Amino acid sequence: MIGESVRGSLHIRKNMPNQDAINWYPKREETKGLPLILAVSDGHGSSKCLRSDKGSKLAVDISIIILSQFFNSNLNISNPSFVKRSAEEDLPRALVEEWSTAINTDIEKCPFLPSELDTLLVSENRYIRDEVLKNPLIAYGATLLTVLVTESYIIYLQLGDGDIINVSDSGEVTSPLPEDKRLFANETTSLCSNKAWQDFRFSFQSIVDNPPALILLSTDGYSNSFTNKRDFLKVGSDILEIIRSDGLKYINENINEWLNEASVKGSGDDITLGIIYRDINIIINGGK
């Protein structure tokens, strides 16, 4: 399991921070063994989301905590239907509530500065400042994509834009989650929305015979750097082929350069990519 987040070329030119974030568990390069948790988040670029870089960082960190707790609490449960129902009912709400609590704590420690609020008065329209003061979560608005991989099941959760794709052993690329038709242009669902847990997309995959060879999580800055969806999805099979020919270490050594190039030539946005690779040799040799 590896990943990288790069600051977009447009953000560099405008002196804006990287509003994406990534985190994974266990926290070490080229992690082997289960369970695995991977999370990426994209902080919104709207001027009213003036602390979205913090919002995305808190989102991925909280995701690791919540999914770890879920895994541990269901460790001895053998009924996959129970685990699925529990995950679908409990995880979205837990993620949103813990994120909201973390945001409120951050605001208590670091109240909005007059300079931050002043920027809202001169941007977009004069109602934005009042909107943020009424609902401070907006200032931290972000998406969240996260995956939990265990010996017997995989859980996929997504709120907002971005992509989660699976690649089979034969190189076939699929999406484990249904499409959300509300996501178009710059519109997206968000952790800062009212009852945001209702907007999560969820999938539960029992591991029986043929789990994915590769799982990719990326913020929308990556897919937006391609001319069409087909070219973007081909990245999945291309990465699998490169890993098998040159190794995961080669990907790890070059991923930063690839993502920076994609941003410069494509979207100009921040780009984050997380990769989970199932090494068939480890499985054959008795590892997990």
C-alpha atoms as a PDB file:
ATOM      1  CA  MET A   1       0.000   0.000   0.000  1.00  0.00           C
ATOM      2  CA  ILE A   2       1.488   3.296  -1.138  1.00  0.00           C
ATOM      3  CA  GLY A   3       0.244   6.782  -1.966  1.00  0.00           C
ATOM      4  CA  GLU A   4       1.138  10.365  -2.734  1.00  0.00           C
ATOM      5  CA  SER A   5      -0.486  13.800  -2.666  1.00  0.00           C
ATOM      6  CA  VAL A   6       0.878  16.666  -4.786  1.00  0.00           C
ATOM      7  CA  ARG A   7       0.080  20.354  -4.809  1.00  0.00           C
ATOM      8  CA  GLY A   8      -1.628  21.406  -8.026  1.00  0.00           C
ATOM      9  CA  SER A   9       0.158  23.605 -10.527  1.00  0.00           C
ATOM     10  CA  LEU A  10      -2.634  26.209 -10.304  1.00  0.00           C
ATOM     11  CA  HIS A  11      -2.409  26.189  -6.512  1.00  0.00           C
ATOM     12  CA  ILE A  12       1.318  26.802  -6.740  1.00  0.00           C
ATOM     13  CA  ARG A  13       0.798  29.777  -9.056  1.00  0.00           C
ATOM     14  CA  LYS A  14      -1.918  31.213  -6.800  1.00  0.00           C
ATOM     15  CA  ASN A  15       0.050  30.511  -3.612  1.00  0.00           C
ATOM     16  CA  MET A  16      -2.663  28.176  -2.310  1.00  0.00           C
ATOM     17  CA  PRO A  17      -1.986  25.153  -0.088  1.00  0.00           C
ATOM     18  CA  ASN A  18      -2.513  21.549  -1.069  1.00  0.00           C
ATOM     19  CA  GLN A  19      -6.135  20.971  -0.066  1.00  0.00           C
ATOM     20  CA  ASP A  20      -5.920  17.193  -0.578  1.00  0.00           C
ATOM     21  CA  ALA A  21      -4.904  14.679   2.071  1.00  0.00           C
ATOM     22  CA  ILE A  22      -4.054  10.980   2.292  1.00  0.00           C
ATOM     23  CA  ASN A  23      -3.491   8.545   5.142  1.00  0.00           C
ATOM     24  CA  TRP A  24      -3.255   4.785   5.544  1.00  0.00           C
ATOM     25  CA  TYR A  25      -2.880   2.089   8.167  1.00  0.00           C
ATOM     26  CA  PRO A  26      -0.525   0.418   8.995  1.00  0.00           C
ATOM     27  CA  LYS A  27       1.685   3.464   8.471  1.00  0.00           C
ATOM     28  CA  ARG A  28       4.708   2.195   6.618  1.00  0.00           C
ATOM     29  CA  GLU A  29       5.774   2.077   2.979  1.00  0.00           C
ATOM     30  CA  GLU A  30       4.898  -0.966   0.908  1.00  0.00           C
ATOM     31  CA  THR A  31       2.782  -2.337   3.742  1.00  0.00           C
ATOM     32  CA  LYS A  32       2.118  -6.067   3.658  1.00  0.00           C
ATOM     33  CA  GLY A  33      -0.543  -7.851   5.682  1.00  0.00           C
ATOM     34  CA  LEU A  34      -4.132  -7.262   6.742  1.00  0.00           C
ATOM     35  CA  PRO A  35      -6.182  -5.350   7.715  1.00  0.00           C
ATOM     36  CA  LEU A  36      -5.429  -2.332   5.534  1.00  0.00           C
ATOM     37  CA  ILE A  37      -7.157   1.051   5.635  1.00  0.00           C
ATOM     38  CA  LEU A  38      -6.658   3.728   3.013  1.00  0.00           C
ATOM     39  CA  ALA A  39      -8.299   7.165   2.896  1.00  0.00           C
ATOM     40  CA  VAL A  40      -8.061  10.213   0.633  1.00  0.00           C
ATOM     41  CA  SER A  41      -9.877  13.529   0.866  1.00  0.00           C
ATOM     42  CA  ASP A  42     -10.226  16.653  -1.262  1.00  0.00           C
ATOM     43  CA  GLY A  43     -10.808  19.968   0.477  1.00  0.00           C
ATOM     44  CA  HIS A  44     -13.153  22.226  -1.478  1.00  0.00           C
ATOM     45  CA  GLY A  45     -11.607  25.077  -3.439  1.00  0.00           C
ATOM     46  CA  SER A  46     -14.444  27.555  -2.895  1.00  0.00           C
ATOM     47  CA  SER A  47     -13.418  30.754  -1.107  1.00  0.00           C
ATOM     48  CA  LYS A  48     -15.863  30.061   1.717  1.00  0.00           C
ATOM     49  CA  CYS A  49     -14.033  26.780   2.438  1.00  0.00           C
ATOM     50  CA  LEU A  50     -11.067  28.737   3.734  1.00  0.00           C
ATOM     51  CA  ARG A  51      -9.770  25.930   5.961  1.00  0.00           C
ATOM     52  CA  SER A  52     -10.506  22.976   3.709  1.00  0.00           C
ATOM     53  CA  ASP A  53      -6.871  21.836   3.838  1.00  0.00           C
ATOM     54  CA  LYS A  54      -7.409  21.226   7.559  1.00  0.00           C
ATOM     55  CA  GLY A  55     -10.783  19.635   6.851  1.00  0.00           C
ATOM     56  CA  SER A  56      -9.314  17.066   4.461  1.00  0.00           C
ATOM     57  CA  LYS A  57      -6.459  16.211   6.840  1.00  0.00           C
ATOM     58  CA  LEU A  58      -8.885  15.646   9.703  1.00  0.00           C
ATOM     59  CA  ALA A  59     -11.123  13.566   7.424  1.00  0.00           C
ATOM     60  CA  VAL A  60      -8.448  11.011   6.508  1.00  0.00           C
ATOM     61  CA  ASP A  61      -7.080  10.807  10.053  1.00  0.00           C
ATOM     62  CA  ILE A  62     -10.548  10.206  11.501  1.00  0.00           C
ATOM     63  CA  SER A  63     -11.274   7.620   8.821  1.00  0.00           C
ATOM     64  CA  ILE A  64      -8.303   5.550   9.978  1.00  0.00           C
ATOM     65  CA  ILE A  65      -9.505   5.702  13.593  1.00  0.00           C
ATOM     66  CA  ILE A  66     -13.169   4.891  12.869  1.00  0.00           C
ATOM     67  CA  LEU A  67     -12.478   2.007  10.477  1.00  0.00           C
ATOM     68  CA  SER A  68      -9.860   0.559  12.835  1.00  0.00           C
ATOM     69  CA  GLN A  69     -12.390   0.624  15.655  1.00  0.00           C
ATOM     70  CA  PHE A  70     -14.999  -0.995  13.437  1.00  0.00           C
ATOM     71  CA  PHE A  71     -12.627  -3.782  12.401  1.00  0.00           C
ATOM     72  CA  ASN A  72     -11.616  -4.516  15.993  1.00  0.00           C
ATOM     73  CA  SER A  73     -15.197  -4.524  17.257  1.00  0.00           C
ATOM     74  CA  ASN A  74     -16.244  -7.028  14.568  1.00  0.00           C
ATOM     75  CA  LEU A  75     -13.115  -9.180  14.693  1.00  0.00           C
ATOM     76  CA  ASN A  76     -14.862 -12.243  16.136  1.00  0.00           C
ATOM     77  CA  ILE A  77     -18.089 -11.963  14.156  1.00  0.00           C
ATOM     78  CA  SER A  78     -18.351 -14.633  11.451  1.00  0.00           C
ATOM     79  CA  ASN A  79     -21.660 -13.517   9.924  1.00  0.00           C
ATOM     80  CA  PRO A  80     -20.833 -11.288   6.898  1.00  0.00           C
ATOM     81  CA  SER A  81     -24.437 -10.056   6.635  1.00  0.00           C
ATOM     82  CA  PHE A  82     -24.244  -8.689  10.161  1.00  0.00           C
ATOM     83  CA  VAL A  83     -20.922  -6.982   9.473  1.00  0.00           C
ATOM     84  CA  LYS A  84     -22.273  -5.473   6.248  1.00  0.00           C
ATOM     85  CA  ARG A  85     -25.421  -4.143   7.907  1.00  0.00           C
ATOM     86  CA  SER A  86     -23.447  -2.731  10.812  1.00  0.00           C
ATOM     87  CA  ALA A  87     -20.962  -1.029   8.465  1.00  0.00           C
ATOM     88  CA  GLU A  88     -23.652   0.483   6.245  1.00  0.00           C
ATOM     89  CA  GLU A  89     -25.727   1.750   9.155  1.00  0.00           C
ATOM     90  CA  ASP A  90     -22.981   2.929  11.517  1.00  0.00           C
ATOM     91  CA  LEU A  91     -19.856   3.986   9.616  1.00  0.00           C
ATOM     92  CA  PRO A  92     -21.171   6.969   7.595  1.00  0.00           C
ATOM     93  CA  ARG A  93     -22.737   8.605  10.638  1.00  0.00           C
ATOM     94  CA  ALA A  94     -19.672   7.891  12.811  1.00  0.00           C
ATOM     95  CA  LEU A  95     -17.333   9.411  10.225  1.00  0.00           C
ATOM     96  CA  VAL A  96     -19.405  12.588   9.874  1.00  0.00           C
ATOM     97  CA  GLU A  97     -19.998  13.037  13.598  1.00  0.00           C
ATOM     98  CA  GLU A  98     -16.339  12.522  14.543  1.00  0.00           C
ATOM     99  CA  TRP A  99     -15.215  14.871  11.771  1.00  0.00           C
ATOM    100  CA  SER A 100     -17.690  17.537  12.905  1.00  0.00           C
ATOM    101  CA  THR A 101     -16.508  17.178  16.503  1.00  0.00           C
ATOM    102  CA  ALA A 102     -12.883  17.554  15.404  1.00  0.00           C
ATOM    103  CA  ILE A 103     -13.747  20.685  13.414  1.00  0.00           C
ATOM    104  CA  ASN A 104     -15.539  22.284  16.352  1.00  0.00           C
ATOM    105  CA  THR A 105     -12.555  21.507  18.566  1.00  0.00           C
ATOM    106  CA  ASP A 106     -10.224  23.114  16.039  1.00  0.00           C
ATOM    107  CA  ILE A 107     -12.357  26.254  15.910  1.00  0.00           C
ATOM    108  CA  GLU A 108     -12.316  26.490  19.704  1.00  0.00           C
ATOM    109  CA  LYS A 109      -8.531  26.301  19.682  1.00  0.00           C
ATOM    110  CA  CYS A 110      -8.098  28.524  16.604  1.00  0.00           C
ATOM    111  CA  PRO A 111     -11.063  30.889  16.155  1.00  0.00           C
ATOM    112  CA  PHE A 112     -11.506  32.497  12.760  1.00  0.00           C
ATOM    113  CA  LEU A 113      -9.131  35.418  12.356  1.00  0.00           C
ATOM    114  CA  PRO A 114     -10.491  38.798  11.272  1.00  0.00           C
ATOM    115  CA  SER A 115      -8.256  38.535   8.200  1.00  0.00           C
ATOM    116  CA  GLU A 116      -9.892  35.220   7.251  1.00  0.00           C
ATOM    117  CA  LEU A 117     -13.401  36.618   7.594  1.00  0.00           C
ATOM    118  CA  ASP A 118     -12.456  39.781   5.721  1.00  0.00           C
ATOM    119  CA  THR A 119     -11.545  37.720   2.665  1.00  0.00           C
ATOM    120  CA  LEU A 120     -15.108  36.404   2.602  1.00  0.00           C
ATOM    121  CA  LEU A 121     -16.510  39.930   2.377  1.00  0.00           C
ATOM    122  CA  VAL A 122     -14.757  40.596  -0.918  1.00  0.00           C
ATOM    123  CA  SER A 123     -15.328  37.203  -2.508  1.00  0.00           C
ATOM    124  CA  GLU A 124     -18.302  35.891  -4.497  1.00  0.00           C
ATOM    125  CA  ASN A 125     -21.062  37.728  -2.553  1.00  0.00           C
ATOM    126  CA  ARG A 126     -21.643  39.475   0.751  1.00  0.00           C
ATOM    127  CA  TYR A 127     -23.684  36.626   2.245  1.00  0.00           C
ATOM    128  CA  ILE A 128     -20.791  34.153   2.390  1.00  0.00           C
ATOM    129  CA  ARG A 129     -19.377  35.484   5.655  1.00  0.00           C
ATOM    130  CA  ASP A 130     -22.730  35.079   7.405  1.00  0.00           C
ATOM    131  CA  GLU A 131     -23.113  31.604   5.925  1.00  0.00           C
ATOM    132  CA  VAL A 132     -19.755  30.472   7.314  1.00  0.00           C
ATOM    133  CA  LEU A 133     -20.398  32.013  10.737  1.00  0.00           C
ATOM    134  CA  LYS A 134     -23.772  30.267  10.859  1.00  0.00           C
ATOM    135  CA  ASN A 135     -22.267  26.905   9.877  1.00  0.00           C
ATOM    136  CA  PRO A 136     -18.480  26.934  10.512  1.00  0.00           C
ATOM    137  CA  LEU A 137     -18.171  23.393   9.127  1.00  0.00           C
ATOM    138  CA  ILE A 138     -18.409  24.945   5.655  1.00  0.00           C
ATOM    139  CA  ALA A 139     -14.971  26.481   6.115  1.00  0.00           C
ATOM    140  CA  TYR A 140     -13.521  22.968   6.414  1.00  0.00           C
ATOM    141  CA  GLY A 141     -15.595  21.349   3.656  1.00  0.00           C
ATOM    142  CA  ALA A 142     -14.096  18.211   2.111  1.00  0.00           C
ATOM    143  CA  THR A 143     -14.862  14.918   0.419  1.00  0.00           C
ATOM    144  CA  LEU A 144     -13.878  11.478   1.740  1.00  0.00           C
ATOM    145  CA  LEU A 145     -13.009   8.188   0.033  1.00  0.00           C
ATOM    146  CA  THR A 146     -11.937   5.269   2.198  1.00  0.00           C
ATOM    147  CA  VAL A 147     -11.449   1.506   1.985  1.00  0.00           C
ATOM    148  CA  LEU A 148     -11.042  -1.210   4.620  1.00  0.00           C
ATOM    149  CA  VAL A 149      -9.515  -4.490   3.422  1.00  0.00           C
ATOM    150  CA  THR A 150      -9.687  -7.570   5.684  1.00  0.00           C
ATOM    151  CA  GLU A 151      -9.164 -11.295   5.167  1.00  0.00           C
ATOM    152  CA  SER A 152     -12.854 -11.902   4.511  1.00  0.00           C
ATOM    153  CA  TYR A 153     -14.333  -8.652   3.206  1.00  0.00           C
ATOM    154  CA  ILE A 154     -13.671  -5.198   1.730  1.00  0.00           C
ATOM    155  CA  ILE A 155     -15.661  -2.086   2.662  1.00  0.00           C
ATOM    156  CA  TYR A 156     -15.789   0.893   0.299  1.00  0.00           C
ATOM    157  CA  LEU A 157     -17.119   4.306   1.361  1.00  0.00           C
ATOM    158  CA  GLN A 158     -17.266   7.526  -0.642  1.00  0.00           C
ATOM    159  CA  LEU A 159     -18.724  10.962  -0.035  1.00  0.00           C
ATOM    160  CA  GLY A 160     -18.279  13.461  -2.841  1.00  0.00           C
ATOM    161  CA  ASP A 161     -16.299  13.367  -6.065  1.00  0.00           C
ATOM    162  CA  GLY A 162     -13.137  11.423  -6.796  1.00  0.00           C
ATOM    163  CA  ASP A 163     -12.702   7.812  -7.854  1.00  0.00           C
ATOM    164  CA  ILE A 164     -12.399   4.353  -6.342  1.00  0.00           C
ATOM    165  CA  ILE A 165     -11.577   1.689  -8.930  1.00  0.00           C
ATOM    166  CA  ASN A 166     -10.745  -2.000  -8.783  1.00  0.00           C
ATOM    167  CA  VAL A 167      -8.475  -3.851 -11.170  1.00  0.00           C
ATOM    168  CA  SER A 168      -8.823  -7.618 -11.541  1.00  0.00           C
ATOM    169  CA  ASP A 169      -5.970 -10.089 -12.040  1.00  0.00           C
ATOM    170  CA  SER A 170      -6.699  -9.968 -15.778  1.00  0.00           C
ATOM    171  CA  GLY A 171      -6.549  -6.150 -15.878  1.00  0.00           C
ATOM    172  CA  GLU A 172     -10.287  -5.460 -16.028  1.00  0.00           C
ATOM    173  CA  VAL A 173     -11.161  -2.120 -14.430  1.00  0.00           C
ATOM    174  CA  THR A 174     -14.454  -1.696 -12.546  1.00  0.00           C
ATOM    175  CA  SER A 175     -15.980   0.593  -9.962  1.00  0.00           C
ATOM    176  CA  PRO A 176     -17.227  -1.021  -6.737  1.00  0.00           C
ATOM    177  CA  LEU A 177     -19.579   1.894  -6.049  1.00  0.00           C
ATOM    178  CA  PRO A 178     -22.676   3.169  -7.865  1.00  0.00           C
ATOM    179  CA  GLU A 179     -22.436   6.452  -9.743  1.00  0.00           C
ATOM    180  CA  ASP A 180     -23.731   9.560  -7.987  1.00  0.00           C
ATOM    181  CA  LYS A 181     -25.507  11.640 -10.633  1.00  0.00           C
ATOM    182  CA  ARG A 182     -25.524  14.684  -8.365  1.00  0.00           C
ATOM    183  CA  LEU A 183     -21.790  15.114  -8.989  1.00  0.00           C
ATOM    184  CA  PHE A 184     -21.259  17.287 -12.043  1.00  0.00           C
ATOM    185  CA  ALA A 185     -19.120  20.305 -12.952  1.00  0.00           C
ATOM    186  CA  ASN A 186     -17.908  21.667  -9.595  1.00  0.00           C
ATOM    187  CA  GLU A 187     -20.858  20.376  -7.585  1.00  0.00           C
ATOM    188  CA  THR A 188     -20.167  17.728  -4.957  1.00  0.00           C
ATOM    189  CA  THR A 189     -21.580  16.264  -1.777  1.00  0.00           C
ATOM    190  CA  SER A 190     -19.518  17.072   1.291  1.00  0.00           C
ATOM    191  CA  LEU A 191     -18.757  16.283   4.914  1.00  0.00           C
ATOM    192  CA  CYS A 192     -19.974  19.780   5.792  1.00  0.00           C
ATOM    193  CA  SER A 193     -23.452  19.197   4.338  1.00  0.00           C
ATOM    194  CA  ASN A 194     -26.518  18.779   6.509  1.00  0.00           C
ATOM    195  CA  LYS A 195     -26.992  15.060   7.332  1.00  0.00           C
ATOM    196  CA  ALA A 196     -23.929  14.258   5.220  1.00  0.00           C
ATOM    197  CA  TRP A 197     -23.977  10.605   6.299  1.00  0.00           C
ATOM    198  CA  GLN A 198     -27.012  10.101   4.067  1.00  0.00           C
ATOM    199  CA  ASP A 199     -24.931  11.026   1.011  1.00  0.00           C
ATOM    200  CA  PHE A 200     -22.276   8.319   1.420  1.00  0.00           C
ATOM    201  CA  ARG A 201     -22.020   5.647  -1.229  1.00  0.00           C
ATOM    202  CA  PHE A 202     -21.307   2.224   0.261  1.00  0.00           C
ATOM    203  CA  SER A 203     -20.263  -1.205  -0.957  1.00  0.00           C
ATOM    204  CA  PHE A 204     -19.431  -4.425   0.868  1.00  0.00           C
ATOM    205  CA  GLN A 205     -17.486  -7.124  -0.974  1.00  0.00           C
ATOM    206  CA  SER A 206     -17.070 -10.591   0.499  1.00  0.00           C
ATOM    207  CA  ILE A 207     -13.722 -12.084  -0.440  1.00  0.00           C
ATOM    208  CA  VAL A 208     -14.407 -15.546  -1.790  1.00  0.00           C
ATOM    209  CA  ASP A 209     -12.356 -16.560  -4.833  1.00  0.00           C
ATOM    210  CA  ASN A 210     -11.103 -13.526  -6.726  1.00  0.00           C
ATOM    211  CA  PRO A 211     -10.446 -10.315  -4.782  1.00  0.00           C
ATOM    212  CA  PRO A 212      -9.117  -7.275  -6.683  1.00  0.00           C
ATOM    213  CA  ALA A 213      -5.473  -7.305  -7.661  1.00  0.00           C
ATOM    214  CA  LEU A 214      -5.415  -3.541  -7.265  1.00  0.00           C
ATOM    215  CA  ILE A 215      -7.559  -0.888  -5.567  1.00  0.00           C
ATOM    216  CA  LEU A 216      -7.003   2.774  -6.464  1.00  0.00           C
ATOM    217  CA  LEU A 217      -8.375   5.810  -4.622  1.00  0.00           C
ATOM    218  CA  SER A 218      -7.904   9.250  -6.164  1.00  0.00           C
ATOM    219  CA  THR A 219      -9.214  12.776  -5.829  1.00  0.00           C
ATOM    220  CA  ASP A 220     -10.946  14.288  -8.849  1.00  0.00           C
ATOM    221  CA  GLY A 221      -7.867  16.299  -9.808  1.00  0.00           C
ATOM    222  CA  TYR A 222      -6.473  13.087 -11.259  1.00  0.00           C
ATOM    223  CA  SER A 223      -9.399  11.973 -13.441  1.00  0.00           C
ATOM    224  CA  ASN A 224      -9.927  15.591 -14.553  1.00  0.00           C
ATOM    225  CA  SER A 225      -6.394  15.573 -15.972  1.00  0.00           C
ATOM    226  CA  PHE A 226      -7.437  13.074 -18.657  1.00  0.00           C
ATOM    227  CA  THR A 227      -9.372  13.873 -21.807  1.00  0.00           C
ATOM    228  CA  ASN A 228     -11.991  11.226 -21.078  1.00  0.00           C
ATOM    229  CA  LYS A 229     -13.029   8.604 -18.524  1.00  0.00           C
ATOM    230  CA  ARG A 230     -11.745   5.722 -20.618  1.00  0.00           C
ATOM    231  CA  ASP A 231      -8.195   7.073 -20.630  1.00  0.00           C
ATOM    232  CA  PHE A 232      -8.342   7.612 -16.880  1.00  0.00           C
ATOM    233  CA  LEU A 233      -9.582   4.089 -16.170  1.00  0.00           C
ATOM    234  CA  LYS A 234      -6.768   2.664 -18.267  1.00  0.00           C
ATOM    235  CA  VAL A 235      -4.398   3.979 -15.597  1.00  0.00           C
ATOM    236  CA  GLY A 236      -5.565   1.126 -13.372  1.00  0.00           C
ATOM    237  CA  SER A 237      -4.510  -1.657 -15.721  1.00  0.00           C
ATOM    238  CA  ASP A 238      -1.340   0.262 -16.653  1.00  0.00           C
ATOM    239  CA  ILE A 239      -0.266   0.531 -13.002  1.00  0.00           C
ATOM    240  CA  LEU A 240      -0.939  -3.162 -12.435  1.00  0.00           C
ATOM    241  CA  GLU A 241       1.214  -4.030 -15.439  1.00  0.00           C
ATOM    242  CA  ILE A 242       4.043  -1.756 -14.249  1.00  0.00           C
ATOM    243  CA  ILE A 243       3.961  -3.242 -10.733  1.00  0.00           C
ATOM    244  CA  ARG A 244       4.189  -6.759 -12.149  1.00  0.00           C
ATOM    245  CA  SER A 245       7.036  -5.877 -14.483  1.00  0.00           C
ATOM    246  CA  ASP A 246       9.041  -3.372 -12.390  1.00  0.00           C
ATOM    247  CA  GLY A 247       7.770  -3.781  -8.845  1.00  0.00           C
ATOM    248  CA  LEU A 248       5.865  -1.620  -6.393  1.00  0.00           C
ATOM    249  CA  LYS A 249       9.085   0.147  -5.432  1.00  0.00           C
ATOM    250  CA  TYR A 250       9.334   1.556  -8.968  1.00  0.00           C
ATOM    251  CA  ILE A 251       5.831   3.017  -8.663  1.00  0.00           C
ATOM    252  CA  ASN A 252       6.708   4.488  -5.286  1.00  0.00           C
ATOM    253  CA  GLU A 253       9.839   6.141  -6.684  1.00  0.00           C
ATOM    254  CA  ASN A 254       8.023   7.719  -9.647  1.00  0.00           C
ATOM    255  CA  ILE A 255       4.471   8.445  -8.477  1.00  0.00           C
ATOM    256  CA  ASN A 256       5.249  11.989  -7.319  1.00  0.00           C
ATOM    257  CA  GLU A 257       6.657  12.940 -10.727  1.00  0.00           C
ATOM    258  CA  TRP A 258       3.733  11.319 -12.572  1.00  0.00           C
ATOM    259  CA  LEU A 259       1.109  13.143 -10.525  1.00  0.00           C
ATOM    260  CA  ASN A 260       2.874  16.488 -10.820  1.00  0.00           C
ATOM    261  CA  GLU A 261       3.055  16.036 -14.580  1.00  0.00           C
ATOM    262  CA  ALA A 262      -0.645  15.149 -14.711  1.00  0.00           C
ATOM    263  CA  SER A 263      -1.524  18.322 -12.818  1.00  0.00           C
ATOM    264  CA  VAL A 264       0.657  20.553 -15.025  1.00  0.00           C
ATOM    265  CA  LYS A 265      -0.628  19.087 -18.289  1.00  0.00           C
ATOM    266  CA  GLY A 266      -4.166  18.477 -17.095  1.00  0.00           C
ATOM    267  CA  SER A 267      -6.398  19.835 -14.358  1.00  0.00           C
ATOM    268  CA  GLY A 268      -3.926  22.090 -12.530  1.00  0.00           C
ATOM    269  CA  ASP A 269      -5.624  20.854  -9.353  1.00  0.00           C
ATOM    270  CA  ASP A 270      -4.121  19.060  -6.375  1.00  0.00           C
ATOM    271  CA  ILE A 271      -3.883  15.330  -7.090  1.00  0.00           C
ATOM    272  CA  THR A 272      -3.875  12.469  -4.616  1.00  0.00           C
ATOM    273  CA  LEU A 273      -3.542   8.775  -5.444  1.00  0.00           C
ATOM    274  CA  GLY A 274      -3.560   5.823  -3.062  1.00  0.00           C
ATOM    275  CA  ILE A 275      -2.788   2.262  -4.180  1.00  0.00           C
ATOM    276  CA  ILE A 276      -3.495  -1.100  -2.545  1.00  0.00           C
ATOM    277  CA  TYR A 277      -1.806  -3.998  -4.331  1.00  0.00           C
ATOM    278  CA  ARG A 278      -2.494  -7.682  -3.682  1.00  0.00           C
ATOM    279  CA  ASP A 279       0.782  -9.531  -4.154  1.00  0.00           C
ATOM    280  CA  ILE A 280      -0.029 -13.021  -5.459  1.00  0.00           C
ATOM    281  CA  ASN A 281       3.434 -14.258  -4.435  1.00  0.00           C
ATOM    282  CA  ILE A 282       2.753 -13.398  -0.796  1.00  0.00           C
ATOM    283  CA  ILE A 283      -0.531 -15.297  -0.945  1.00  0.00           C
ATOM    284  CA  ILE A 284       1.065 -18.328  -2.582  1.00  0.00           C
ATOM    285  CA  ASN A 285       3.791 -18.387   0.070  1.00  0.00           C
ATOM    286  CA  GLY A 286       1.249 -18.431   2.857  1.00  0.00           C
ATOM    287  CA  GLY A 287       1.178 -14.738   3.781  1.00  0.00           C
ATOM    288  CA  LYS A 288      -1.967 -12.685   4.085  1.00  0.00           C
END
